[in-house]
Amino acid sequence: MSQRVTRWFDFRSYRRAFSRSRSVTLLTVFALLCVFQSFVAAADRPNILFLFADDQRADTIAAHGNSHIDTPHIDGLVRSGFSFHHNYTFGGNSGAVCVPSRAMLMSGKTWFDLNVATIDGAKLLPELLRENGYVTFGTGKWHNGQDSYRRAFQRGKTAMFGGMSDHTKVPVRDLQPDGTLSAERVGEKFSSELFADSAVEFLKSHDPKVPFFAYVAFTAPHDPRQPPQEFRDHYYKHLPPLPPNFLPQLPFDNGHMKGGRDENLGAWPRTDAMIRDQLAEYYGMITHMDREIGRILAALRESGQADNTLIVYTADNGLALGSHGLLGKQSVFEHSMRTPLIISGLGVPRGQSSQAFTYLLDLFPTLCDVVGVTPPKGLAGFSLRPVWEGKTPRVRDTVFLPFLEIQRSIRDERWKLIAYPKVGYLQMFDLDNDPNEIRNVIDNPANAEHVIRLRKAMSDWQALVGDKLEIPANSTPLQKIDLTGRKREPDQWQPEWIVKKYFGE
């Protein structure tokens, strides 16, 4: 409360001036003044438009250097905003990496401190903003239970509760005025169009006098990789190249090779033709989503609120799609843990970027910082605002990536150490000279000091977050595997043409 209001409302002077019988009235007036002041403060706060992709690798944006993909509207955010090129999700405790990733985003905590399935017991970012005068709106994928969704949002339409679906048959529910959810129905459009429609409708109907937090969680480019025909055909005619770290197979079991559904989406060994077609379908999903993002951004401009809106664009995790012979996100390689992060608007520097190490969970304190809301105590992340304001080059020196009980990784600006505790295998990569993590240099004596230093940094991280997994002291010889011809079954969400194409052996 301002000093002026505090001086004006001096309780002691009012007690001397009025009888005790009027105390209830005075308290009521005081409460109303506090509410009024809170309303005025909220009205001055900026809006937040949060655009969230599903399974998008960090290297799939044209403006960030990928000349083989069309992303004109995301490129516009790059030009108008600030890009964080080393943004990560903080590993995960599930093969469905998106579950812990989204829980950490919404809570600002690591998965070691959360029930990621429900996010019980943690204050959620939109919940906090809602308590501070924001209208909160959510559409799209919510993978952490219905109760947390209803806690987070006042308004919601076409919310999908689950991990995935056929993009043409998305099961959705609406948040009704009484806070309950409607009966489930099947969306009438392709997923990205469906969620964009809901976001556009919200932006058109929202009262501009009240700040909003609009969360648009696409299910693209998560599989099934089934973009509309025109987007599929475009990339079939302009096939993306293989990733530079393509392999027919990962030559060892990383702990998640056998039985994981993501790895079953293509046969072993991976062929050039199969990976390039899957990349074409993946790129088609991203370009189609980009078109729908353009519609949302146009609606924001038409609403007259663009100049007072901070836009965040990011994704929950990356994906392999042929890198290291993998297809999924269940690894701690860069392609699976790194995601795009772009922040645009409200004086954020235009067309600039940083190599600072960031996590998705940093967005909770960052957005609180920007809008002037005090974050809860005990958050694991840091505000990134000082980075784009040029006040600090970084908020942390290393990135720790813990995945289930089967993989641990830590990296600094140059070196990366990966441990596979179940098989006793270690990898070390010189990312300056090998950014695609191809050459394991763990056994080079010249790198011994870097191994020792990173092992110490990993131990410090483990102590900080409460990770008790024991890391092997030395690397054992690689135990090679060969999954050629391994039997696969399609899941229930794959459309018929994908089943015929990729499972019709």
Protein backbone atom coordinates (compact mmCIF):
# COMPACT_ATOMS: atom_id res chain seq x y z
CA MET A 1 0.00 0.00 0.00
CA SER A 2 1.30 3.48 -0.84
CA GLN A 3 2.50 5.80 1.93
CA ARG A 4 -0.21 8.28 1.02
CA VAL A 5 -2.99 5.73 1.59
CA THR A 6 -1.35 4.51 4.79
CA ARG A 7 -1.12 8.01 6.25
CA TRP A 8 -4.69 8.79 5.26
CA PHE A 9 -6.02 5.66 6.92
CA ASP A 10 -4.46 5.96 10.40
CA PHE A 11 -6.41 3.57 12.63
CA ARG A 12 -5.43 5.22 15.92
CA SER A 13 -6.79 8.62 14.94
CA TYR A 14 -10.03 7.04 13.76
CA ARG A 15 -10.46 5.16 17.01
CA ARG A 16 -10.19 8.46 18.91
CA ALA A 17 -12.65 10.21 16.60
CA PHE A 18 -15.37 7.58 16.38
CA SER A 19 -17.13 5.30 18.74
CA ARG A 20 -16.48 1.60 18.88
CA SER A 21 -19.85 0.99 17.21
CA ARG A 22 -18.47 2.28 13.94
CA SER A 23 -15.41 0.01 13.84
CA VAL A 24 -17.04 -2.58 11.59
CA THR A 25 -17.93 0.12 9.06
CA LEU A 26 -14.39 1.45 9.12
CA LEU A 27 -12.91 -1.96 8.58
CA THR A 28 -15.25 -2.50 5.66
CA VAL A 29 -14.21 0.80 4.09
CA PHE A 30 -10.58 -0.07 4.63
CA ALA A 31 -11.05 -3.45 2.96
CA LEU A 32 -12.77 -1.81 0.02
CA LEU A 33 -9.91 0.66 -0.33
CA CYS A 34 -7.42 -2.21 -0.38
CA VAL A 35 -9.45 -4.00 -3.05
CA PHE A 36 -9.68 -0.77 -5.05
CA GLN A 37 -5.94 -0.20 -4.84
CA SER A 38 -5.30 -3.82 -5.87
CA PHE A 39 -7.64 -3.37 -8.82
CA VAL A 40 -5.85 -0.21 -9.94
CA ALA A 41 -2.46 -1.95 -9.66
CA ALA A 42 -3.74 -4.93 -11.63
CA ALA A 43 -5.18 -2.68 -14.32
CA ASP A 44 -1.73 -1.19 -14.85
CA ARG A 45 -0.08 -4.59 -15.27
CA PRO A 46 0.76 -6.02 -18.68
CA ASN A 47 -0.94 -8.95 -20.34
CA ILE A 48 0.84 -12.25 -20.98
CA LEU A 49 0.28 -14.41 -24.06
CA PHE A 50 1.97 -17.77 -23.55
CA LEU A 51 2.35 -19.92 -26.68
CA PHE A 52 3.50 -23.47 -25.88
CA ALA A 53 4.49 -26.09 -28.44
CA ASP A 54 4.63 -29.84 -27.78
CA ASP A 55 7.83 -31.78 -28.60
CA GLN A 56 9.53 -29.02 -30.63
CA ARG A 57 13.29 -29.24 -31.00
CA ALA A 58 15.25 -26.03 -30.49
CA ASP A 59 16.68 -26.20 -34.03
CA THR A 60 13.36 -26.06 -35.92
CA ILE A 61 12.95 -22.30 -36.37
CA ALA A 62 14.03 -20.63 -39.60
CA ALA A 63 15.13 -17.40 -37.92
CA HIS A 64 17.38 -19.43 -35.62
CA GLY A 65 19.26 -20.88 -38.56
CA ASN A 66 17.20 -23.74 -40.02
CA SER A 67 16.86 -22.91 -43.71
CA HIS A 68 14.80 -26.04 -44.39
CA ILE A 69 11.69 -25.05 -42.41
CA ASP A 70 9.09 -22.29 -42.86
CA THR A 71 8.14 -20.53 -39.61
CA PRO A 72 7.34 -16.93 -40.65
CA HIS A 73 5.28 -15.98 -37.60
CA ILE A 74 7.68 -17.47 -35.05
CA ASP A 75 10.44 -15.74 -37.01
CA GLY A 76 8.57 -12.48 -36.44
CA LEU A 77 8.75 -13.09 -32.69
CA VAL A 78 12.49 -13.71 -33.02
CA ARG A 79 12.91 -10.37 -34.81
CA SER A 80 10.75 -8.50 -32.32
CA GLY A 81 12.04 -10.23 -29.22
CA PHE A 82 14.84 -11.90 -27.30
CA SER A 83 15.90 -15.53 -27.89
CA PHE A 84 17.45 -17.81 -25.29
CA HIS A 85 19.44 -20.34 -27.29
CA HIS A 86 20.29 -22.67 -24.41
CA ASN A 87 16.89 -23.27 -22.86
CA TYR A 88 16.12 -26.68 -21.32
CA THR A 89 13.52 -28.66 -19.53
CA PHE A 90 14.89 -29.99 -16.25
CA GLY A 91 14.93 -33.65 -17.25
CA GLY A 92 12.01 -35.68 -15.95
CA ASN A 93 10.76 -38.60 -13.90
CA SER A 94 8.60 -40.10 -16.65
CA GLY A 95 9.00 -41.36 -20.19
CA ALA A 96 6.17 -38.92 -20.91
CA VAL A 97 8.62 -36.05 -20.41
CA CYS A 98 5.88 -33.50 -21.06
CA VAL A 99 4.18 -34.34 -17.73
CA PRO A 100 7.04 -33.24 -15.44
CA SER A 101 8.04 -30.49 -17.86
CA ARG A 102 4.62 -28.83 -17.68
CA ALA A 103 4.41 -29.31 -13.92
CA MET A 104 7.80 -27.62 -13.48
CA LEU A 105 6.80 -24.76 -15.78
CA MET A 106 3.60 -24.09 -13.86
CA SER A 107 5.13 -24.46 -10.37
CA GLY A 108 8.66 -23.11 -10.79
CA LYS A 109 9.95 -26.20 -8.96
CA THR A 110 11.94 -29.27 -10.03
CA TRP A 111 10.31 -32.67 -10.35
CA PHE A 112 12.07 -33.76 -7.15
CA ASP A 113 9.72 -31.48 -5.19
CA LEU A 114 6.46 -32.20 -6.99
CA ASN A 115 3.69 -34.64 -7.62
CA VAL A 116 3.95 -33.96 -11.34
CA ALA A 117 0.72 -35.77 -12.20
CA THR A 118 -1.45 -33.33 -10.25
CA ILE A 119 0.86 -30.47 -9.09
CA ASP A 120 -0.82 -30.69 -5.67
CA GLY A 121 0.54 -28.47 -2.94
CA ALA A 122 2.29 -26.00 -5.25
CA LYS A 123 1.13 -22.52 -6.18
CA LEU A 124 0.66 -22.41 -9.94
CA LEU A 125 1.76 -19.45 -12.05
CA PRO A 126 -1.72 -18.68 -13.45
CA GLU A 127 -3.23 -19.31 -10.02
CA LEU A 128 -0.94 -16.65 -8.53
CA LEU A 129 -1.71 -14.21 -11.32
CA ARG A 130 -5.41 -14.87 -10.85
CA GLU A 131 -5.05 -13.93 -7.18
CA ASN A 132 -3.42 -10.68 -8.28
CA GLY A 133 -6.16 -9.40 -10.52
CA TYR A 134 -5.51 -11.28 -13.76
CA VAL A 135 -8.10 -13.05 -15.87
CA THR A 136 -6.51 -16.41 -16.65
CA PHE A 137 -7.46 -18.37 -19.75
CA GLY A 138 -6.27 -21.79 -20.86
CA THR A 139 -6.77 -23.79 -24.04
CA GLY A 140 -5.07 -26.88 -25.40
CA LYS A 141 -3.07 -29.59 -23.69
CA TRP A 142 -3.12 -29.85 -19.90
CA HIS A 143 -1.30 -32.99 -18.81
CA ASN A 144 -1.42 -32.56 -15.02
CA GLY A 145 -4.98 -33.34 -13.97
CA GLN A 146 -8.29 -31.55 -14.10
CA ASP A 147 -8.19 -30.16 -10.55
CA SER A 148 -5.00 -28.18 -11.18
CA TYR A 149 -6.46 -26.82 -14.42
CA ARG A 150 -9.54 -25.53 -12.62
CA ARG A 151 -7.30 -24.03 -9.94
CA ALA A 152 -5.25 -22.23 -12.57
CA PHE A 153 -7.85 -20.77 -14.90
CA GLN A 154 -11.02 -18.71 -14.66
CA ARG A 155 -11.85 -19.19 -18.31
CA GLY A 156 -11.04 -22.09 -20.58
CA LYS A 157 -12.15 -23.64 -23.81
CA THR A 158 -11.15 -26.77 -25.72
CA ALA A 159 -8.83 -28.08 -23.01
CA MET A 160 -7.37 -31.51 -23.69
CA PHE A 161 -6.62 -33.57 -20.59
CA GLY A 162 -4.02 -36.12 -21.57
CA GLY A 163 -0.83 -36.57 -23.48
CA MET A 164 -1.82 -37.03 -27.11
CA SER A 165 -4.55 -37.87 -29.59
CA ASP A 166 -5.25 -38.05 -33.28
CA HIS A 167 -5.01 -34.36 -34.22
CA THR A 168 -8.28 -34.57 -36.12
CA LYS A 169 -10.16 -36.14 -33.19
CA VAL A 170 -9.06 -34.24 -30.11
CA PRO A 171 -11.10 -34.98 -26.93
CA VAL A 172 -11.76 -31.59 -25.30
CA ARG A 173 -13.72 -29.95 -22.50
CA ASP A 174 -14.67 -26.35 -21.72
CA LEU A 175 -14.40 -24.59 -18.39
CA GLN A 176 -17.88 -23.40 -17.48
CA PRO A 177 -18.79 -20.22 -15.54
CA ASP A 178 -19.37 -22.18 -12.32
CA GLY A 179 -15.85 -23.65 -12.46
CA THR A 180 -16.89 -27.11 -13.57
CA LEU A 181 -15.84 -28.79 -16.79
CA SER A 182 -18.24 -29.62 -19.58
CA ALA A 183 -18.75 -33.13 -20.85
CA GLU A 184 -16.01 -34.36 -23.13
CA ARG A 185 -16.56 -33.90 -26.85
CA VAL A 186 -14.45 -34.42 -29.98
CA GLY A 187 -13.04 -31.23 -31.45
CA GLU A 188 -14.39 -30.33 -34.84
CA LYS A 189 -11.08 -29.14 -36.35
CA PHE A 190 -7.41 -30.03 -36.52
CA SER A 191 -5.83 -29.52 -33.10
CA SER A 192 -3.79 -26.38 -33.86
CA GLU A 193 -6.78 -24.72 -35.53
CA LEU A 194 -9.07 -25.73 -32.69
CA PHE A 195 -6.88 -24.20 -29.99
CA ALA A 196 -6.13 -21.09 -32.06
CA ASP A 197 -9.86 -20.54 -32.55
CA SER A 198 -10.39 -20.58 -28.79
CA ALA A 199 -7.49 -18.19 -28.19
CA VAL A 200 -8.75 -15.78 -30.86
CA GLU A 201 -12.25 -15.88 -29.38
CA PHE A 202 -10.85 -15.06 -25.94
CA LEU A 203 -8.78 -12.13 -27.24
CA LYS A 204 -11.76 -10.70 -29.08
CA SER A 205 -14.10 -10.95 -26.09
CA HIS A 206 -11.77 -9.97 -23.26
CA ASP A 207 -12.30 -6.71 -21.36
CA PRO A 208 -9.15 -4.64 -22.06
CA LYS A 209 -9.44 -2.94 -18.66
CA VAL A 210 -8.35 -6.15 -16.91
CA PRO A 211 -4.95 -7.81 -17.53
CA PHE A 212 -4.95 -11.35 -18.87
CA PHE A 213 -2.77 -14.44 -18.86
CA ALA A 214 -3.67 -16.49 -21.94
CA TYR A 215 -2.09 -19.94 -22.11
CA VAL A 216 -2.25 -21.62 -25.53
CA ALA A 217 -0.82 -25.14 -25.31
CA PHE A 218 -0.65 -26.72 -28.75
CA THR A 219 -0.40 -30.49 -29.18
CA ALA A 220 1.75 -29.97 -32.30
CA PRO A 221 4.23 -31.11 -33.38
CA HIS A 222 3.77 -34.14 -31.07
CA ASP A 223 2.95 -37.33 -32.92
CA PRO A 224 0.88 -38.55 -34.63
CA ARG A 225 2.83 -36.52 -37.17
CA GLN A 226 -0.14 -35.98 -39.47
CA PRO A 227 -0.12 -32.41 -40.76
CA PRO A 228 -2.86 -31.37 -43.19
CA GLN A 229 -2.12 -32.66 -46.68
CA GLU A 230 -0.80 -29.40 -48.15
CA PHE A 231 1.78 -29.03 -45.37
CA ARG A 232 2.79 -32.67 -45.66
CA ASP A 233 3.16 -32.47 -49.43
CA HIS A 234 5.26 -29.31 -49.25
CA TYR A 235 7.95 -31.05 -47.23
CA TYR A 236 7.74 -34.29 -49.18
CA LYS A 237 8.72 -32.16 -52.18
CA HIS A 238 11.45 -30.43 -50.16
CA LEU A 239 12.68 -33.22 -47.89
CA PRO A 240 14.66 -31.99 -44.86
CA PRO A 241 18.20 -33.32 -44.59
CA LEU A 242 19.16 -35.96 -42.08
CA PRO A 243 20.37 -34.58 -38.75
CA PRO A 244 24.18 -34.44 -38.63
CA ASN A 245 24.21 -36.97 -35.77
CA PHE A 246 21.94 -39.46 -37.56
CA LEU A 247 22.52 -43.11 -36.74
CA PRO A 248 20.62 -46.23 -37.82
CA GLN A 249 20.56 -47.26 -34.15
CA LEU A 250 21.87 -46.06 -30.82
CA PRO A 251 24.49 -48.78 -30.28
CA PHE A 252 23.73 -49.30 -26.58
CA ASP A 253 20.70 -49.43 -24.28
CA ASN A 254 20.27 -46.03 -22.65
CA GLY A 255 17.66 -47.50 -20.31
CA HIS A 256 14.65 -46.53 -22.43
CA MET A 257 15.18 -48.37 -25.70
CA LYS A 258 12.98 -51.41 -25.22
CA GLY A 259 9.26 -50.90 -24.94
CA GLY A 260 9.09 -47.12 -25.11
CA ARG A 261 6.29 -46.05 -27.48
CA ASP A 262 8.26 -43.17 -29.03
CA GLU A 263 11.01 -45.48 -30.25
CA ASN A 264 8.42 -47.86 -31.73
CA LEU A 265 7.21 -45.26 -34.25
CA GLY A 266 9.82 -46.43 -36.75
CA ALA A 267 11.61 -49.67 -37.49
CA TRP A 268 15.22 -50.52 -36.58
CA PRO A 269 17.57 -49.88 -38.13
CA ARG A 270 16.42 -46.36 -39.01
CA THR A 271 16.77 -45.70 -42.73
CA ASP A 272 17.55 -42.42 -44.45
CA ALA A 273 14.21 -42.48 -46.26
CA MET A 274 12.14 -43.18 -43.15
CA ILE A 275 13.77 -40.44 -41.09
CA ARG A 276 13.52 -37.85 -43.85
CA ASP A 277 9.82 -38.62 -44.32
CA GLN A 278 9.18 -38.37 -40.58
CA LEU A 279 11.07 -35.08 -40.52
CA ALA A 280 8.92 -33.85 -43.41
CA GLU A 281 5.79 -34.69 -41.43
CA TYR A 282 7.24 -33.12 -38.28
CA TYR A 283 8.18 -29.93 -40.12
CA GLY A 284 4.72 -29.85 -41.66
CA MET A 285 3.19 -29.95 -38.19
CA ILE A 286 5.36 -27.01 -37.10
CA THR A 287 4.63 -24.91 -40.18
CA HIS A 288 0.90 -25.52 -39.83
CA MET A 289 1.08 -24.55 -36.15
CA ASP A 290 3.03 -21.44 -37.15
CA ARG A 291 0.14 -20.40 -39.40
CA GLU A 292 -2.27 -20.69 -36.48
CA ILE A 293 0.11 -18.70 -34.27
CA GLY A 294 -0.10 -15.99 -36.92
CA ARG A 295 -3.87 -15.89 -36.50
CA ILE A 296 -3.52 -15.49 -32.73
CA LEU A 297 -0.97 -12.70 -33.09
CA ALA A 298 -3.22 -10.93 -35.59
CA ALA A 299 -6.13 -11.13 -33.13
CA LEU A 300 -3.91 -9.68 -30.41
CA ARG A 301 -3.04 -6.71 -32.63
CA GLU A 302 -6.68 -6.20 -33.59
CA SER A 303 -7.64 -6.19 -29.90
CA GLY A 304 -5.52 -3.09 -29.35
CA GLN A 305 -3.62 -4.86 -26.56
CA ALA A 306 -0.43 -5.84 -28.40
CA ASP A 307 1.62 -2.94 -27.04
CA ASN A 308 0.78 -3.96 -23.47
CA THR A 309 1.36 -7.69 -23.89
CA LEU A 310 4.41 -9.83 -23.20
CA ILE A 311 4.56 -12.82 -25.56
CA VAL A 312 6.35 -16.02 -24.59
CA TYR A 313 7.03 -18.76 -27.12
CA THR A 314 8.55 -22.05 -26.01
CA ALA A 315 8.02 -25.84 -25.93
CA ASP A 316 7.93 -28.53 -23.28
CA ASN A 317 10.84 -30.64 -24.58
CA GLY A 318 12.69 -31.55 -27.74
CA LEU A 319 12.77 -34.74 -29.83
CA ALA A 320 15.34 -36.98 -31.51
CA LEU A 321 13.81 -37.87 -34.89
CA GLY A 322 16.85 -39.77 -36.13
CA SER A 323 19.51 -38.08 -34.02
CA HIS A 324 21.65 -40.77 -32.38
CA GLY A 325 19.37 -43.40 -33.91
CA LEU A 326 16.52 -42.36 -31.61
CA LEU A 327 13.04 -41.03 -32.34
CA GLY A 328 11.76 -39.84 -28.96
CA LYS A 329 12.62 -37.42 -26.18
CA GLN A 330 13.70 -39.94 -23.53
CA SER A 331 17.36 -38.97 -23.48
CA VAL A 332 19.53 -36.19 -22.09
CA PHE A 333 21.09 -35.36 -25.45
CA GLU A 334 20.72 -31.73 -26.52
CA HIS A 335 18.14 -32.52 -29.18
CA SER A 336 15.72 -33.93 -26.61
CA MET A 337 16.20 -31.60 -23.63
CA ARG A 338 16.64 -28.23 -25.38
CA THR A 339 13.65 -26.18 -26.52
CA PRO A 340 13.11 -22.79 -28.15
CA LEU A 341 12.49 -19.82 -25.86
CA ILE A 342 11.56 -16.41 -27.23
CA ILE A 343 10.24 -13.49 -25.18
CA SER A 344 8.84 -10.49 -27.03
CA GLY A 345 7.14 -7.18 -26.21
CA LEU A 346 7.07 -4.58 -23.44
CA GLY A 347 10.50 -3.15 -24.06
CA VAL A 348 12.27 -6.50 -24.41
CA PRO A 349 15.22 -5.90 -26.79
CA ARG A 350 14.34 -6.61 -30.40
CA GLY A 351 16.24 -9.21 -32.39
CA GLN A 352 18.74 -10.00 -29.65
CA SER A 353 19.71 -13.27 -28.00
CA SER A 354 21.70 -14.93 -25.26
CA GLN A 355 23.64 -18.15 -24.75
CA ALA A 356 22.79 -18.11 -21.03
CA PHE A 357 21.66 -21.42 -19.58
CA THR A 358 17.95 -21.29 -18.79
CA TYR A 359 15.20 -23.69 -17.77
CA LEU A 360 11.49 -23.61 -18.44
CA LEU A 361 10.99 -23.34 -14.68
CA ASP A 362 12.72 -19.92 -14.83
CA LEU A 363 9.63 -18.53 -16.53
CA PHE A 364 7.61 -18.48 -13.29
CA PRO A 365 9.89 -15.97 -11.49
CA THR A 366 10.58 -14.17 -14.77
CA LEU A 367 6.93 -13.40 -15.45
CA CYS A 368 6.35 -12.44 -11.82
CA ASP A 369 9.25 -10.00 -12.13
CA VAL A 370 7.87 -8.43 -15.30
CA VAL A 371 4.32 -7.92 -13.99
CA GLY A 372 5.29 -6.91 -10.45
CA VAL A 373 3.89 -9.88 -8.53
CA THR A 374 5.85 -11.38 -5.65
CA PRO A 375 6.63 -15.05 -6.44
CA PRO A 376 6.25 -17.79 -3.84
CA LYS A 377 9.27 -18.68 -1.75
CA GLY A 378 11.29 -21.76 -2.61
CA LEU A 379 11.21 -21.57 -6.41
CA ALA A 380 14.04 -23.37 -8.19
CA GLY A 381 14.41 -20.88 -11.03
CA PHE A 382 15.60 -17.32 -11.53
CA SER A 383 14.19 -14.28 -13.29
CA LEU A 384 15.66 -13.93 -16.79
CA ARG A 385 14.86 -10.24 -16.99
CA PRO A 386 18.37 -9.17 -15.88
CA VAL A 387 19.77 -11.14 -18.85
CA TRP A 388 17.79 -9.33 -21.53
CA GLU A 389 18.36 -6.02 -19.75
CA GLY A 390 22.11 -6.61 -19.94
CA LYS A 391 22.59 -6.57 -16.16
CA THR A 392 24.07 -10.08 -16.05
CA PRO A 393 25.31 -12.48 -18.73
CA ARG A 394 23.93 -15.58 -16.99
CA VAL A 395 21.84 -16.88 -14.11
CA ARG A 396 23.70 -20.19 -13.68
CA ASP A 397 27.02 -21.69 -14.80
CA THR A 398 25.91 -25.25 -15.53
CA VAL A 399 22.85 -27.23 -16.62
CA PHE A 400 21.89 -30.42 -14.80
CA LEU A 401 19.60 -32.88 -16.61
CA PRO A 402 18.30 -35.79 -14.49
CA PHE A 403 16.09 -38.33 -16.27
CA LEU A 404 14.38 -41.13 -14.34
CA GLU A 405 16.92 -43.36 -12.61
CA ILE A 406 18.68 -44.15 -15.87
CA GLN A 407 20.43 -40.99 -17.10
CA ARG A 408 22.19 -37.98 -15.61
CA SER A 409 23.92 -35.17 -17.46
CA ILE A 410 25.67 -31.93 -16.70
CA ARG A 411 27.18 -29.38 -19.05
CA ASP A 412 28.99 -26.08 -18.90
CA GLU A 413 29.76 -23.71 -21.76
CA ARG A 414 32.03 -26.24 -23.48
CA TRP A 415 31.94 -29.71 -21.90
CA LYS A 416 29.12 -32.16 -21.29
CA LEU A 417 29.15 -35.30 -19.14
CA ILE A 418 26.46 -37.98 -19.42
CA ALA A 419 26.12 -40.93 -17.03
CA TYR A 420 24.06 -44.09 -17.48
CA PRO A 421 24.12 -45.49 -13.92
CA LYS A 422 22.27 -48.72 -14.66
CA VAL A 423 24.91 -49.87 -17.14
CA GLY A 424 27.89 -47.97 -15.72
CA TYR A 425 28.58 -46.13 -18.96
CA LEU A 426 29.87 -42.56 -19.24
CA GLN A 427 30.10 -40.12 -22.15
CA MET A 428 31.98 -36.84 -22.45
CA PHE A 429 31.53 -34.37 -25.30
CA ASP A 430 33.49 -31.28 -26.29
CA LEU A 431 30.54 -29.17 -27.44
CA ASP A 432 32.73 -26.42 -28.88
CA ASN A 433 34.15 -28.85 -31.42
CA ASP A 434 31.36 -31.45 -31.39
CA PRO A 435 28.01 -29.70 -30.82
CA ASN A 436 26.08 -32.74 -32.06
CA GLU A 437 27.50 -35.04 -29.38
CA ILE A 438 29.05 -37.56 -31.75
CA ARG A 439 32.56 -38.25 -30.40
CA ASN A 440 32.81 -39.61 -26.87
CA VAL A 441 36.10 -38.32 -25.40
CA ILE A 442 35.68 -39.67 -21.85
CA ASP A 443 38.78 -41.86 -22.18
CA ASN A 444 41.10 -39.10 -23.39
CA PRO A 445 43.57 -38.45 -20.52
CA ALA A 446 43.75 -34.80 -21.54
CA ASN A 447 40.13 -34.41 -20.45
CA ALA A 448 40.53 -35.92 -16.99
CA GLU A 449 40.37 -32.57 -15.19
CA HIS A 450 37.13 -31.69 -16.99
CA VAL A 451 35.61 -35.02 -15.96
CA ILE A 452 36.56 -34.41 -12.32
CA ARG A 453 35.22 -30.87 -12.39
CA LEU A 454 31.89 -31.84 -13.96
CA ARG A 455 31.46 -34.81 -11.62
CA LYS A 456 31.86 -32.39 -8.71
CA ALA A 457 29.34 -29.99 -10.27
CA MET A 458 26.90 -32.88 -10.79
CA SER A 459 27.31 -33.93 -7.15
CA ASP A 460 26.60 -30.37 -6.04
CA TRP A 461 23.45 -30.26 -8.17
CA GLN A 462 22.29 -33.60 -6.76
CA ALA A 463 22.71 -32.33 -3.22
CA LEU A 464 20.83 -29.15 -4.09
CA VAL A 465 17.75 -30.87 -5.54
CA GLY A 466 17.74 -34.01 -3.40
CA ASP A 467 18.84 -36.48 -6.06
CA LYS A 468 20.33 -39.55 -4.38
CA LEU A 469 21.18 -41.59 -7.49
CA GLU A 470 24.74 -42.90 -7.36
CA ILE A 471 26.88 -41.98 -10.36
CA PRO A 472 29.50 -44.52 -11.51
CA ALA A 473 33.08 -43.49 -10.83
CA ASN A 474 34.43 -44.98 -14.06
CA SER A 475 33.00 -45.96 -17.40
CA THR A 476 32.57 -49.65 -18.12
CA PRO A 477 32.97 -51.04 -21.65
CA LEU A 478 29.99 -50.38 -23.92
CA GLN A 479 27.49 -53.24 -24.11
CA LYS A 480 26.23 -53.08 -27.67
CA ILE A 481 22.70 -54.01 -28.66
CA ASP A 482 20.96 -54.55 -32.00
CA LEU A 483 17.18 -54.05 -32.24
CA THR A 484 16.91 -54.93 -35.94
CA GLY A 485 13.56 -56.54 -36.64
CA ARG A 486 12.19 -55.91 -33.14
CA LYS A 487 8.39 -56.33 -33.18
CA ARG A 488 6.38 -53.11 -32.88
CA GLU A 489 2.71 -52.31 -32.41
CA PRO A 490 1.06 -48.97 -33.23
CA ASP A 491 -0.74 -47.15 -30.46
CA GLN A 492 -4.42 -46.29 -30.70
CA TRP A 493 -3.87 -42.68 -31.80
CA GLN A 494 -1.97 -43.27 -35.04
CA PRO A 495 -4.16 -42.65 -38.13
CA GLU A 496 -4.55 -45.40 -40.66
CA TRP A 497 -2.14 -43.97 -43.24
CA ILE A 498 0.65 -43.73 -40.66
CA VAL A 499 0.02 -47.30 -39.51
CA LYS A 500 0.23 -48.52 -43.12
CA LYS A 501 3.33 -46.46 -43.84
CA TYR A 502 5.40 -47.13 -40.75
CA PHE A 503 4.02 -50.38 -39.33
CA GLY A 504 3.09 -52.27 -42.49
CA GLU A 505 6.12 -54.54 -42.62
